[in-house]
N, C-alpha and C. Protein backbone atom coordinates (compact mmCIF):
# COMPACT_ATOMS: atom_id res chain seq x y z
N MET A 1 0.61 -1.25 -0.24
CA MET A 1 -0.30 -0.36 -0.18
C MET A 1 0.78 1.17 -0.24
N THR A 2 0.74 2.34 -0.92
CA THR A 2 1.42 3.78 -0.37
C THR A 2 1.26 4.21 0.39
N SER A 3 1.98 5.25 0.71
CA SER A 3 1.93 6.03 2.19
C SER A 3 1.22 6.36 2.78
N PRO A 4 0.22 6.14 3.99
CA PRO A 4 -0.78 6.65 4.17
C PRO A 4 -0.83 8.39 3.88
N SER A 5 -1.92 8.76 3.79
CA SER A 5 -2.19 10.04 3.86
C SER A 5 -4.15 9.90 4.10
N PRO A 6 -3.65 10.22 5.45
CA PRO A 6 -5.21 10.40 6.44
C PRO A 6 -6.23 11.37 5.67
N SER A 7 -6.91 10.68 6.18
CA SER A 7 -8.60 11.62 5.75
C SER A 7 -9.37 11.24 6.58
N PRO A 8 -10.34 12.25 7.35
CA PRO A 8 -11.68 11.42 8.38
C PRO A 8 -12.30 10.65 7.90
N SER A 9 -13.22 10.27 8.52
CA SER A 9 -14.39 9.68 8.20
C SER A 9 -15.40 9.55 9.30
N VAL A 10 -16.31 10.00 9.34
CA VAL A 10 -17.48 9.56 10.38
C VAL A 10 -18.35 8.14 10.22
N ALA A 11 -18.75 8.10 11.03
CA ALA A 11 -20.21 6.49 10.62
C ALA A 11 -20.55 6.43 12.07
N PRO A 12 -22.15 6.10 12.50
CA PRO A 12 -22.30 6.05 13.14
C PRO A 12 -21.78 5.21 14.64
N SER A 13 -22.31 4.84 15.79
CA SER A 13 -21.56 3.65 16.74
C SER A 13 -22.65 2.52 16.61
N PRO A 14 -21.67 1.11 16.95
CA PRO A 14 -22.53 -0.04 16.80
C PRO A 14 -23.98 0.02 16.77
N ALA A 15 -24.87 0.60 17.50
CA ALA A 15 -26.02 0.30 18.08
C ALA A 15 -26.75 1.73 17.04
N ALA A 16 -25.97 1.45 15.91
CA ALA A 16 -26.96 2.78 14.76
C ALA A 16 -27.14 3.85 15.46
N SER A 17 -27.23 4.72 16.17
CA SER A 17 -28.32 5.54 16.95
C SER A 17 -28.51 6.81 16.17
N PRO A 18 -29.40 7.39 15.61
CA PRO A 18 -28.78 8.83 14.76
C PRO A 18 -28.39 9.89 15.79
N GLU A 19 -27.93 9.88 17.34
CA GLU A 19 -27.67 10.67 18.00
C GLU A 19 -26.86 10.42 18.67
N ALA A 20 -26.06 9.76 18.33
CA ALA A 20 -24.61 9.10 19.10
C ALA A 20 -23.34 8.69 17.40
N LEU A 21 -22.79 9.71 16.95
CA LEU A 21 -22.20 9.87 15.77
C LEU A 21 -20.39 9.60 15.85
N LYS A 22 -20.09 7.99 15.75
CA LYS A 22 -18.45 7.91 16.13
C LYS A 22 -17.22 7.89 14.96
N THR A 23 -16.51 8.85 15.18
CA THR A 23 -15.41 9.20 14.04
C THR A 23 -14.92 7.07 13.83
N ILE A 24 -14.84 6.67 12.42
CA ILE A 24 -14.46 5.46 12.31
C ILE A 24 -13.16 5.13 12.48
N VAL A 25 -12.42 5.77 12.16
CA VAL A 25 -10.60 6.17 12.40
C VAL A 25 -10.06 7.02 11.16
N THR A 26 -9.09 7.24 11.19
CA THR A 26 -8.38 8.46 10.17
C THR A 26 -7.98 7.06 9.31
N VAL A 27 -8.41 7.13 8.08
CA VAL A 27 -8.13 5.54 7.21
C VAL A 27 -7.15 6.64 6.17
N VAL A 28 -6.62 5.52 5.05
CA VAL A 28 -5.39 5.57 4.48
C VAL A 28 -6.33 5.85 3.31
N SER A 29 -5.90 6.88 2.14
CA SER A 29 -5.73 7.55 1.32
C SER A 29 -5.82 6.36 0.25
N SER A 30 -6.59 5.17 0.30
CA SER A 30 -6.66 4.05 -0.83
C SER A 30 -7.57 4.72 -1.32
N PRO A 31 -7.68 4.03 -2.89
CA PRO A 31 -9.57 3.77 -3.05
C PRO A 31 -10.82 3.05 -2.62
N TYR A 32 -9.81 1.51 -2.37
CA TYR A 32 -10.69 1.09 -1.38
C TYR A 32 -11.34 1.58 -0.17
N CYS A 33 -10.11 2.32 0.73
CA CYS A 33 -10.49 3.09 1.90
C CYS A 33 -11.39 4.35 1.74
N ARG A 34 -11.08 4.57 0.83
CA ARG A 34 -12.09 5.98 -0.18
C ARG A 34 -13.46 5.68 -0.67
N SER A 35 -13.65 4.86 -1.05
CA SER A 35 -15.12 4.10 -1.40
C SER A 35 -15.79 3.56 0.07
N LEU A 36 -15.07 2.56 1.14
CA LEU A 36 -15.43 2.46 2.21
C LEU A 36 -16.06 3.40 3.12
N ALA A 37 -15.78 4.88 3.09
CA ALA A 37 -15.86 5.84 4.21
C ALA A 37 -16.84 6.85 3.34
N GLU A 38 -16.77 7.16 2.22
CA GLU A 38 -17.61 8.00 1.63
C GLU A 38 -18.72 7.30 1.57
N ASN A 39 -18.72 6.13 0.63
CA ASN A 39 -20.19 5.48 0.37
C ASN A 39 -21.13 5.13 1.36
N PHE A 40 -19.87 4.59 2.61
CA PHE A 40 -21.26 3.86 3.48
C PHE A 40 -21.37 5.25 4.10
N ASN A 41 -20.60 6.15 4.81
CA ASN A 41 -21.60 7.38 5.21
C ASN A 41 -22.69 7.84 4.25
N ASP A 42 -22.53 7.73 3.20
CA ASP A 42 -23.71 8.64 2.74
C ASP A 42 -24.77 7.85 2.34
N ALA A 43 -24.63 6.50 2.13
CA ALA A 43 -25.78 5.90 2.59
C ALA A 43 -26.29 5.47 4.19
N LEU A 44 -25.40 5.72 4.89
CA LEU A 44 -26.12 5.36 6.13
C LEU A 44 -27.12 6.72 6.91
N VAL A 45 -25.95 8.04 6.28
CA VAL A 45 -26.73 9.21 7.61
C VAL A 45 -27.90 9.48 7.10
N PRO A 46 -28.27 9.67 5.58
CA PRO A 46 -29.24 9.63 5.70
C PRO A 46 -30.83 8.39 6.15
N MET A 47 -29.72 7.28 5.78
CA MET A 47 -31.04 6.66 6.39
C MET A 47 -31.66 6.37 7.79
N LEU A 48 -30.38 7.03 8.50
CA LEU A 48 -30.65 7.18 9.78
C LEU A 48 -31.91 8.26 9.94
N ALA A 49 -31.15 9.32 9.27
CA ALA A 49 -32.63 10.87 8.98
C ALA A 49 -33.76 10.14 8.47
N ASN A 50 -34.03 9.08 7.35
CA ASN A 50 -35.29 8.53 7.17
C ASN A 50 -35.86 7.90 8.89
N ASP A 51 -34.77 7.42 9.77
CA ASP A 51 -35.21 6.48 10.95
C ASP A 51 -36.30 7.86 12.04
N ARG A 52 -35.40 9.16 11.41
CA ARG A 52 -36.29 9.89 12.99
C ARG A 52 -37.71 10.00 11.91
N THR A 53 -37.62 10.47 10.75
CA THR A 53 -39.27 10.72 9.84
C THR A 53 -40.00 8.89 10.35
N LEU A 54 -39.12 8.58 10.80
CA LEU A 54 -40.26 7.14 10.62
C LEU A 54 -40.73 7.29 12.44
N ASP A 55 -40.03 7.60 13.09
CA ASP A 55 -40.57 8.18 14.25
C ASP A 55 -41.28 8.78 14.78
N ALA A 56 -41.47 10.02 13.60
CA ALA A 56 -42.91 11.01 13.78
C ALA A 56 -43.75 10.21 13.42
N VAL A 57 -43.87 9.05 11.81
CA VAL A 57 -44.42 8.43 11.79
C VAL A 57 -45.41 7.91 12.76
N SER A 58 -44.85 6.85 13.57
CA SER A 58 -45.19 6.06 14.11
C SER A 58 -46.29 7.09 15.00
N VAL A 59 -45.84 7.75 15.24
CA VAL A 59 -46.74 9.16 16.10
C VAL A 59 -48.07 9.11 15.30
N SER A 60 -47.88 9.36 14.38
CA SER A 60 -49.08 9.84 13.29
C SER A 60 -49.66 8.25 13.03
N LEU A 61 -49.22 7.55 13.12
CA LEU A 61 -50.15 6.11 12.87
C LEU A 61 -50.28 5.86 14.33
N ASP A 62 -50.43 6.23 15.59
CA ASP A 62 -50.98 6.15 16.84
C ASP A 62 -52.47 6.94 16.65
N GLY A 63 -52.26 8.03 15.90
CA GLY A 63 -53.36 9.15 16.06
C GLY A 63 -53.93 8.50 15.27
N ILE A 64 -53.91 7.94 14.11
CA ILE A 64 -55.09 7.23 13.13
C ILE A 64 -55.59 6.53 13.92
N ASN A 65 -55.37 5.28 14.36
CA ASN A 65 -55.55 4.09 15.31
C ASN A 65 -56.52 4.86 16.41
N THR A 66 -56.37 6.25 16.79
CA THR A 66 -57.35 6.82 17.80
C THR A 66 -57.92 7.92 17.13
N LEU A 67 -58.52 8.12 15.80
CA LEU A 67 -58.74 9.04 15.43
C LEU A 67 -60.52 9.32 16.04
N PHE A 68 -60.97 8.28 16.22
CA PHE A 68 -62.68 8.24 16.49
C PHE A 68 -63.11 7.95 17.90
N ASP A 69 -61.82 8.20 18.94
CA ASP A 69 -61.71 8.55 20.06
C ASP A 69 -62.33 9.33 20.53
N HIS A 70 -62.16 10.72 19.75
CA HIS A 70 -62.53 11.96 19.94
C HIS A 70 -63.49 12.38 18.86
N PRO A 71 -64.38 13.94 19.46
CA PRO A 71 -65.06 13.96 18.77
C PRO A 71 -65.00 15.20 17.64
N ASP A 72 -63.77 15.60 17.68
CA ASP A 72 -63.09 16.31 16.44
C ASP A 72 -62.36 15.64 15.61
N PHE A 73 -63.10 14.12 15.05
CA PHE A 73 -62.33 13.04 14.49
C PHE A 73 -62.07 13.65 13.28
N ALA A 74 -63.15 14.84 12.21
CA ALA A 74 -62.55 14.57 10.88
C ALA A 74 -61.25 15.93 10.93
N GLN A 75 -61.27 16.66 12.46
CA GLN A 75 -60.53 17.84 12.19
C GLN A 75 -59.04 16.69 12.20
N ARG A 76 -58.84 15.86 13.22
CA ARG A 76 -57.68 15.06 13.37
C ARG A 76 -57.41 14.51 12.42
N PHE A 77 -58.56 13.71 11.14
CA PHE A 77 -58.01 13.07 9.91
C PHE A 77 -57.75 14.26 9.20
N VAL A 78 -58.26 15.37 8.61
CA VAL A 78 -56.99 15.85 7.85
C VAL A 78 -55.60 16.16 8.53
N GLN A 79 -55.48 16.74 9.65
CA GLN A 79 -54.62 17.28 10.46
C GLN A 79 -53.14 15.66 9.68
N THR A 80 -53.44 14.98 10.78
CA THR A 80 -52.84 13.73 10.49
C THR A 80 -52.73 13.08 8.88
N ARG A 81 -53.61 13.30 7.84
CA ARG A 81 -53.14 13.07 6.77
C ARG A 81 -52.31 14.11 6.29
N GLU A 82 -52.19 15.41 6.52
CA GLU A 82 -51.08 15.94 5.91
C GLU A 82 -49.93 15.94 6.54
N LYS A 83 -49.68 15.63 8.11
CA LYS A 83 -48.41 15.08 8.05
C LYS A 83 -48.20 14.05 7.52
N LEU A 84 -48.95 12.52 7.05
CA LEU A 84 -48.27 11.77 6.39
C LEU A 84 -48.12 11.28 5.27
N LEU A 85 -48.98 13.43 4.61
CA LEU A 85 -47.99 12.88 3.22
C LEU A 85 -46.85 14.03 3.45
N HIS A 86 -46.42 15.03 4.53
CA HIS A 86 -45.05 14.87 4.84
C HIS A 86 -44.13 13.98 4.62
N GLN A 87 -44.43 13.53 5.58
CA GLN A 87 -43.29 12.41 5.83
C GLN A 87 -43.27 11.51 5.12
N GLU A 88 -43.81 11.21 4.83
CA GLU A 88 -44.07 9.75 3.34
C GLU A 88 -43.05 10.46 1.79
N THR A 89 -43.57 11.33 1.80
CA THR A 89 -42.79 12.53 0.52
C THR A 89 -40.84 12.62 1.16
N VAL A 90 -40.97 12.81 2.22
CA VAL A 90 -39.12 12.86 2.48
C VAL A 90 -38.73 11.69 2.54
N LEU A 91 -39.69 10.26 2.94
CA LEU A 91 -38.90 8.76 2.74
C LEU A 91 -38.81 9.02 1.26
N ASN A 92 -39.46 8.72 0.99
CA ASN A 92 -39.59 8.64 -0.75
C ASN A 92 -38.82 9.68 -1.79
N ALA A 93 -38.88 11.35 -0.96
CA ALA A 93 -37.10 11.82 -1.96
C ALA A 93 -35.91 11.19 -2.21
N SER A 94 -36.07 10.34 -0.57
CA SER A 94 -34.30 10.17 -0.04
C SER A 94 -33.94 8.97 -0.82
N LEU A 95 -34.73 8.21 -2.04
CA LEU A 95 -34.73 6.50 -1.95
C LEU A 95 -33.65 6.43 -2.79
N ALA A 96 -33.64 7.25 -3.85
CA ALA A 96 -32.83 6.83 -4.94
C ALA A 96 -31.08 7.36 -4.85
N ALA A 97 -31.03 8.55 -3.63
CA ALA A 97 -29.66 8.94 -3.51
C ALA A 97 -28.91 7.81 -2.63
N ILE A 98 -29.58 7.05 -1.89
CA ILE A 98 -29.27 5.71 -0.90
C ILE A 98 -28.99 4.74 -1.47
N GLN A 99 -29.97 4.54 -2.90
CA GLN A 99 -29.79 3.22 -3.51
C GLN A 99 -28.32 3.48 -4.23
N ARG A 100 -28.18 4.69 -4.50
CA ARG A 100 -26.97 4.48 -5.27
C ARG A 100 -25.84 4.32 -4.66
N SER A 101 -25.64 5.13 -3.12
CA SER A 101 -24.43 5.28 -2.22
C SER A 101 -24.50 3.52 -2.16
N ILE A 102 -25.13 2.95 -1.93
CA ILE A 102 -25.03 0.96 -1.51
C ILE A 102 -24.74 0.54 -3.11
N ASN A 103 -25.10 0.32 -4.09
CA ASN A 103 -24.61 0.50 -5.48
C ASN A 103 -22.77 0.63 -5.09
N GLN A 104 -22.52 1.92 -5.05
CA GLN A 104 -21.51 2.28 -5.43
C GLN A 104 -20.18 1.75 -4.39
N LEU A 105 -21.09 1.66 -2.78
CA LEU A 105 -20.07 1.00 -2.04
C LEU A 105 -19.64 -0.51 -2.12
N ARG A 106 -20.74 -1.11 -2.57
CA ARG A 106 -21.20 -2.64 -2.99
C ARG A 106 -19.88 -2.64 -3.97
N ALA A 107 -19.76 -1.64 -5.13
CA ALA A 107 -18.99 -1.94 -6.14
C ALA A 107 -17.34 -1.56 -5.86
N GLY A 108 -17.35 -1.15 -4.74
CA GLY A 108 -15.76 -0.87 -4.04
C GLY A 108 -15.07 -1.91 -3.58
N SER A 109 -15.86 -3.46 -3.91
CA SER A 109 -15.32 -4.65 -3.46
C SER A 109 -14.56 -4.73 -4.38
N ALA A 110 -14.40 -4.19 -5.47
CA ALA A 110 -13.43 -4.70 -6.26
C ALA A 110 -11.89 -3.71 -6.35
N LEU A 111 -11.98 -2.93 -5.36
CA LEU A 111 -10.91 -2.00 -5.18
C LEU A 111 -10.06 -2.28 -4.63
N THR A 112 -9.86 -3.44 -4.02
CA THR A 112 -8.97 -4.23 -3.33
C THR A 112 -8.61 -6.16 -3.89
N THR A 113 -7.50 -6.46 -3.78
CA THR A 113 -7.22 -7.31 -4.27
C THR A 113 -7.07 -9.05 -2.86
N ASP A 114 -7.51 -8.03 -1.86
CA ASP A 114 -8.12 -9.08 -0.63
C ASP A 114 -9.30 -9.20 -0.48
N THR A 115 -9.35 -10.76 -0.10
CA THR A 115 -10.83 -11.48 -0.55
C THR A 115 -11.44 -10.72 0.39
N GLN A 116 -10.73 -11.09 1.96
CA GLN A 116 -11.85 -10.86 3.17
C GLN A 116 -11.96 -9.39 2.98
N ALA A 117 -11.05 -8.55 2.56
CA ALA A 117 -11.39 -6.98 2.63
C ALA A 117 -12.40 -6.93 1.80
N ALA A 118 -12.57 -7.37 0.55
CA ALA A 118 -13.64 -6.94 -0.54
C ALA A 118 -14.97 -7.61 0.38
N ALA A 119 -14.72 -8.72 1.11
CA ALA A 119 -16.11 -9.14 1.54
C ALA A 119 -16.75 -8.74 2.76
N GLN A 120 -15.70 -7.89 3.14
CA GLN A 120 -16.57 -7.26 4.13
C GLN A 120 -17.42 -5.63 4.15
N VAL A 121 -16.61 -5.50 2.69
CA VAL A 121 -17.14 -4.38 2.03
C VAL A 121 -18.87 -5.06 1.63
N HIS A 122 -18.97 -6.03 0.60
CA HIS A 122 -19.83 -6.48 0.07
C HIS A 122 -21.20 -6.81 1.32
N ASP A 123 -20.30 -7.37 2.74
CA ASP A 123 -21.62 -7.97 4.22
C ASP A 123 -22.11 -6.80 4.55
N ALA A 124 -20.88 -5.43 4.05
CA ALA A 124 -21.60 -4.24 5.25
C ALA A 124 -22.64 -3.32 3.98
N ALA A 125 -22.55 -4.14 2.87
CA ALA A 125 -23.50 -3.05 2.20
C ALA A 125 -25.06 -4.03 1.54
N GLN A 126 -24.74 -5.32 2.12
CA GLN A 126 -25.82 -6.16 1.91
C GLN A 126 -27.02 -5.93 2.95
N GLN A 127 -26.02 -4.95 3.87
CA GLN A 127 -26.63 -4.98 5.30
C GLN A 127 -27.49 -3.53 5.43
N LEU A 128 -26.72 -3.06 4.42
CA LEU A 128 -27.56 -1.88 4.59
C LEU A 128 -28.88 -1.44 3.39
N GLN A 129 -28.34 -2.91 2.39
CA GLN A 129 -29.14 -2.80 1.41
C GLN A 129 -30.75 -3.90 2.22
N THR A 130 -30.95 -4.01 2.99
CA THR A 130 -31.61 -4.80 3.56
C THR A 130 -32.75 -3.80 4.55
N ALA A 131 -31.85 -2.81 5.15
CA ALA A 131 -32.24 -2.02 5.77
C ALA A 131 -33.07 -1.04 4.83
N TYR A 132 -32.29 -0.78 3.85
CA TYR A 132 -33.14 0.18 2.27
C TYR A 132 -34.15 -0.32 2.07
N ASP A 133 -34.31 -1.68 2.00
CA ASP A 133 -35.48 -2.01 1.18
C ASP A 133 -36.78 -2.15 2.47
N LYS A 134 -36.47 -2.22 3.49
CA LYS A 134 -37.52 -2.09 4.69
C LYS A 134 -37.93 -0.62 4.34
N GLN A 135 -37.12 0.22 4.75
CA GLN A 135 -37.80 1.67 4.64
C GLN A 135 -38.19 2.03 3.30
N ARG A 136 -37.97 1.41 1.90
CA ARG A 136 -38.22 1.90 1.06
C ARG A 136 -39.69 1.45 1.12
N GLN A 137 -39.90 -0.09 1.47
CA GLN A 137 -41.34 -0.22 1.37
C GLN A 137 -42.54 0.39 2.65
N LEU A 138 -41.61 0.98 3.41
CA LEU A 138 -42.42 1.42 4.39
C LEU A 138 -43.14 3.10 3.68
N ALA A 139 -41.96 3.00 2.88
CA ALA A 139 -42.46 4.74 2.37
C ALA A 139 -43.35 4.48 0.84
N ILE A 140 -43.63 3.11 0.45
CA ILE A 140 -44.14 2.96 -0.41
C ILE A 140 -45.68 2.81 0.16
N ASP A 141 -45.74 2.04 1.39
CA ASP A 141 -46.57 1.88 2.10
C ASP A 141 -47.38 2.84 2.98
N LEU A 142 -46.77 3.74 2.76
CA LEU A 142 -47.19 4.80 3.79
C LEU A 142 -47.95 5.98 2.47
N GLN A 143 -47.19 5.80 1.32
CA GLN A 143 -48.21 6.50 0.24
C GLN A 143 -49.24 6.27 -0.29
N GLY A 144 -49.95 4.94 -0.15
CA GLY A 144 -50.66 4.52 -0.40
C GLY A 144 -51.30 5.05 0.78
N MET A 145 -51.38 4.72 2.23
CA MET A 145 -52.29 5.22 2.97
C MET A 145 -52.35 6.10 3.01
N TYR A 146 -51.72 7.45 2.44
CA TYR A 146 -51.82 9.02 2.15
C TYR A 146 -53.34 9.10 1.16
N GLN A 147 -52.65 8.20 0.22
CA GLN A 147 -53.94 8.44 -1.10
C GLN A 147 -55.24 7.82 -0.44
N ALA A 148 -55.30 6.49 -0.09
CA ALA A 148 -56.55 6.08 0.63
C ALA A 148 -57.16 7.38 1.38
N MET A 149 -56.67 7.94 2.57
CA MET A 149 -57.30 8.58 3.24
C MET A 149 -57.57 10.03 2.41
N ALA A 150 -57.19 10.30 1.12
CA ALA A 150 -57.28 11.65 0.65
C ALA A 150 -58.48 11.40 0.11
N ASP A 151 -58.49 9.96 -0.82
CA ASP A 151 -60.19 9.27 -1.55
C ASP A 151 -61.12 9.62 -0.24
N TYR A 152 -60.91 9.36 0.89
CA TYR A 152 -61.88 9.09 1.98
C TYR A 152 -62.50 10.05 2.54
N PRO A 153 -64.33 10.30 2.36
CA PRO A 153 -65.29 11.41 2.70
C PRO A 153 -65.21 11.58 3.89
N ILE A 154 -64.32 12.12 4.06
CA ILE A 154 -64.25 12.34 6.15
C ILE A 154 -65.09 12.99 6.34
N ALA A 155 -65.32 14.36 5.42
CA ALA A 155 -66.79 15.35 5.93
C ALA A 155 -68.14 14.50 6.20
N ARG A 156 -68.34 13.30 5.43
CA ARG A 156 -69.72 12.83 5.67
C ARG A 156 -69.78 11.34 6.00
N ALA A 157 -68.18 11.33 7.23
CA ALA A 157 -68.42 10.04 8.38
C ALA A 157 -69.32 10.61 9.09
N ASN A 158 -69.95 9.61 10.08
CA ASN A 158 -70.30 9.64 10.89
C ASN A 158 -70.07 8.45 11.78
N PRO A 159 -69.55 8.14 11.97
CA PRO A 159 -69.13 6.87 13.28
C PRO A 159 -69.50 7.12 14.31
N ALA A 160 -69.60 5.74 15.36
CA ALA A 160 -70.11 5.80 16.18
C ALA A 160 -68.82 6.55 17.59
N LEU A 161 -69.07 7.16 18.13
CA LEU A 161 -67.78 7.59 19.00
C LEU A 161 -66.97 6.45 19.67
N GLY A 162 -65.84 6.29 19.29
CA GLY A 162 -64.66 5.06 19.14
C GLY A 162 -64.54 4.62 18.18
N GLY A 163 -65.35 4.91 16.82
CA GLY A 163 -65.15 4.24 15.70
C GLY A 163 -65.73 3.15 14.94
N PHE A 164 -65.48 2.19 16.28
CA PHE A 164 -65.55 0.76 16.12
C PHE A 164 -67.27 -0.06 16.59
N ASN A 165 -67.92 -0.59 15.47
CA ASN A 165 -68.85 -1.25 16.17
C ASN A 165 -68.87 -2.81 16.07
N PRO A 166 -69.87 -3.14 16.50
CA PRO A 166 -69.68 -4.97 16.82
C PRO A 166 -69.13 -5.75 15.82
N GLN A 167 -69.10 -5.41 14.40
CA GLN A 167 -68.41 -6.06 13.41
C GLN A 167 -67.21 -5.58 12.93
N GLU A 168 -66.42 -4.57 13.52
CA GLU A 168 -65.37 -4.12 13.51
C GLU A 168 -64.37 -4.42 14.75
N MET A 169 -65.14 -4.82 15.78
CA MET A 169 -64.29 -5.00 16.97
C MET A 169 -64.21 -6.81 16.56
N SER A 170 -64.76 -7.43 15.92
CA SER A 170 -64.50 -8.60 15.68
C SER A 170 -63.71 -8.84 14.93
N GLU A 171 -63.12 -8.09 14.01
CA GLU A 171 -62.31 -7.83 13.35
C GLU A 171 -60.87 -8.42 13.81
N PRO A 172 -59.44 -9.51 12.59
CA PRO A 172 -58.59 -9.42 13.85
C PRO A 172 -57.70 -8.18 13.86
N GLU A 173 -56.63 -8.27 14.94
CA GLU A 173 -55.94 -7.55 15.10
C GLU A 173 -55.31 -6.24 13.96
N ALA A 174 -54.54 -7.12 12.69
CA ALA A 174 -54.60 -6.56 11.85
C ALA A 174 -55.20 -5.58 11.52
N MET A 175 -56.43 -6.10 11.09
CA MET A 175 -57.22 -4.87 10.65
C MET A 175 -57.96 -3.69 11.31
N GLN A 176 -57.79 -3.80 12.89
CA GLN A 176 -58.43 -2.71 13.57
C GLN A 176 -56.73 -1.67 13.57
N ASN A 177 -55.57 -1.97 13.49
CA ASN A 177 -54.44 -1.52 14.28
C ASN A 177 -53.62 -0.97 12.95
N VAL A 178 -52.79 0.01 12.58
CA VAL A 178 -52.99 0.32 11.77
C VAL A 178 -51.33 -0.22 11.41
N LYS A 179 -51.00 0.24 12.79
CA LYS A 179 -49.23 -0.23 12.52
C LYS A 179 -49.25 -2.17 12.21
N SER A 180 -50.10 -2.55 12.40
CA SER A 180 -49.98 -3.86 12.88
C SER A 180 -50.08 -4.25 10.89
N TYR A 181 -51.38 -3.56 10.51
CA TYR A 181 -51.85 -4.20 9.05
C TYR A 181 -50.61 -3.69 8.33
N LEU A 182 -49.81 -2.22 8.72
CA LEU A 182 -48.57 -2.44 7.81
C LEU A 182 -47.25 -2.83 8.46
N ARG A 183 -47.17 -3.71 9.33
CA ARG A 183 -46.43 -4.52 9.82
C ARG A 183 -45.15 -3.68 10.32
N PHE A 184 -45.25 -2.38 10.75
CA PHE A 184 -44.05 -1.32 10.93
C PHE A 184 -43.39 -1.08 11.86
N ASP A 185 -43.56 -1.97 13.67
CA ASP A 185 -42.86 -2.32 14.40
C ASP A 185 -42.06 -3.52 13.68
N GLY A 186 -42.33 -4.14 13.06
CA GLY A 186 -41.41 -5.57 12.64
C GLY A 186 -40.27 -4.82 11.61
N GLN A 187 -40.85 -4.43 10.89
CA GLN A 187 -40.22 -3.86 10.30
C GLN A 187 -38.68 -2.84 10.48
N ARG A 188 -39.64 -2.01 10.99
CA ARG A 188 -38.70 -1.02 12.34
C ARG A 188 -37.29 -1.44 12.63
N ASP A 189 -37.82 -2.88 13.56
CA ASP A 189 -36.54 -3.94 13.76
C ASP A 189 -35.76 -4.29 13.05
N VAL A 190 -35.76 -4.65 12.18
CA VAL A 190 -35.34 -4.96 10.93
C VAL A 190 -34.15 -4.28 10.30
N ILE A 191 -34.92 -2.78 10.16
CA ILE A 191 -34.10 -2.19 10.20
C ILE A 191 -32.95 -1.41 11.31
N ALA A 192 -33.37 -1.40 12.48
CA ALA A 192 -32.11 -1.11 13.11
C ALA A 192 -31.36 -2.24 13.62
N ARG A 193 -31.52 -3.85 13.27
CA ARG A 193 -31.08 -4.39 13.54
C ARG A 193 -29.84 -4.78 12.21
N SER A 194 -30.44 -4.37 11.27
CA SER A 194 -29.46 -4.37 9.74
C SER A 194 -28.78 -3.11 9.67
N GLU A 195 -28.95 -1.99 10.32
CA GLU A 195 -27.97 -1.01 10.39
C GLU A 195 -26.74 -0.75 11.28
N GLY A 196 -27.63 -1.45 12.15
CA GLY A 196 -26.31 -2.07 13.28
C GLY A 196 -25.22 -3.04 12.77
N LYS A 197 -25.85 -4.04 11.94
CA LYS A 197 -24.59 -4.67 11.62
C LYS A 197 -23.99 -4.19 10.61
N ALA A 198 -24.17 -3.28 10.08
CA ALA A 198 -23.35 -2.84 9.20
C ALA A 198 -22.65 -1.92 9.48
N VAL A 199 -22.95 -0.84 10.19
CA VAL A 199 -21.98 -0.01 11.25
C VAL A 199 -20.76 -0.96 12.02
N ASP A 200 -21.00 -2.48 12.23
CA ASP A 200 -19.85 -3.06 12.91
C ASP A 200 -19.09 -3.43 12.15
N ILE A 201 -19.55 -4.01 10.84
CA ILE A 201 -18.73 -4.61 9.55
C ILE A 201 -18.04 -3.30 8.81
N ALA A 202 -18.79 -2.18 8.58
CA ALA A 202 -17.81 -1.09 7.98
C ALA A 202 -16.53 -0.87 8.68
N TYR A 203 -16.68 -0.80 10.66
CA TYR A 203 -15.66 -0.07 11.14
C TYR A 203 -14.90 -1.12 11.55
N SER A 204 -15.11 -2.30 11.69
CA SER A 204 -14.16 -3.54 11.50
C SER A 204 -13.40 -3.47 10.71
N ALA A 205 -13.44 -3.14 9.20
CA ALA A 205 -12.90 -3.10 7.84
C ALA A 205 -11.92 -1.92 7.93
N ALA A 206 -12.41 -0.85 8.37
CA ALA A 206 -11.75 0.69 8.89
C ALA A 206 -10.61 0.27 9.53
N GLU A 207 -10.44 -0.67 9.89
CA GLU A 207 -10.22 -0.74 12.08
C GLU A 207 -8.85 -1.55 11.04
N THR A 208 -9.30 -2.37 10.34
CA THR A 208 -8.00 -3.48 9.59
C THR A 208 -7.77 -3.04 8.66
N TYR A 209 -8.36 -2.86 7.46
CA TYR A 209 -7.69 -2.78 6.54
C TYR A 209 -6.78 -0.93 6.28
N CYS A 210 -7.69 0.33 7.09
CA CYS A 210 -7.85 1.63 6.47
C CYS A 210 -6.98 2.69 7.53
N THR A 211 -6.60 1.66 8.67
CA THR A 211 -5.67 2.90 9.95
C THR A 211 -4.48 2.45 9.54
N PRO A 212 -3.94 3.57 9.46
CA PRO A 212 -2.34 3.68 9.40
C PRO A 212 -1.10 2.87 10.40
N LYS A 213 -0.63 2.12 9.92
CA LYS A 213 0.11 1.30 10.70
C LYS A 213 1.73 1.59 11.58
N LYS A 214 1.73 2.29 12.40
CA LYS A 214 2.99 2.14 12.82
C LYS A 214 4.12 1.37 12.49
């Protein structure tokens, strides 16, 4: 390897917490290391921003579940629908750039002749891809939910207080709870686990192959 020319890189902690970013290390300025640092962070940072957006989505979905518990349900419906529009728009707008960065990260495995180094980059990219695929699916589902809410004639709705009649109360949980219907919490669990694994793998690769040797 050529003489090291350090360049800083930042990546989240192994817990993939959006609030706690951790410097990986000062990396050797090689094509492999530059690709690892730049493309990994370019993919993960907006994915963590999407996680914060999904935190807000979670609140919106809780609001949808309890809309008809309130006499001003129509107003709440419209307000929640507009929040959902903003949230799903933010998510969908981020997707193309994230996928490009994951693709570029994966392609960076060809920048080294070390098979183990190449494998670690590929594995990190695969974990990011898994998390991305779940974020994308939620973004698509939320877009569909917004469209269904936009088409619903809320001004003409006249539900019983609570919104559930005996027939609705007998329906499966997945039909009564919008989070269950969307598999929202389960998909977010997959996202968090995959992001955490991706950080672990990338951090290990940076320490092993991109740290200037003394």
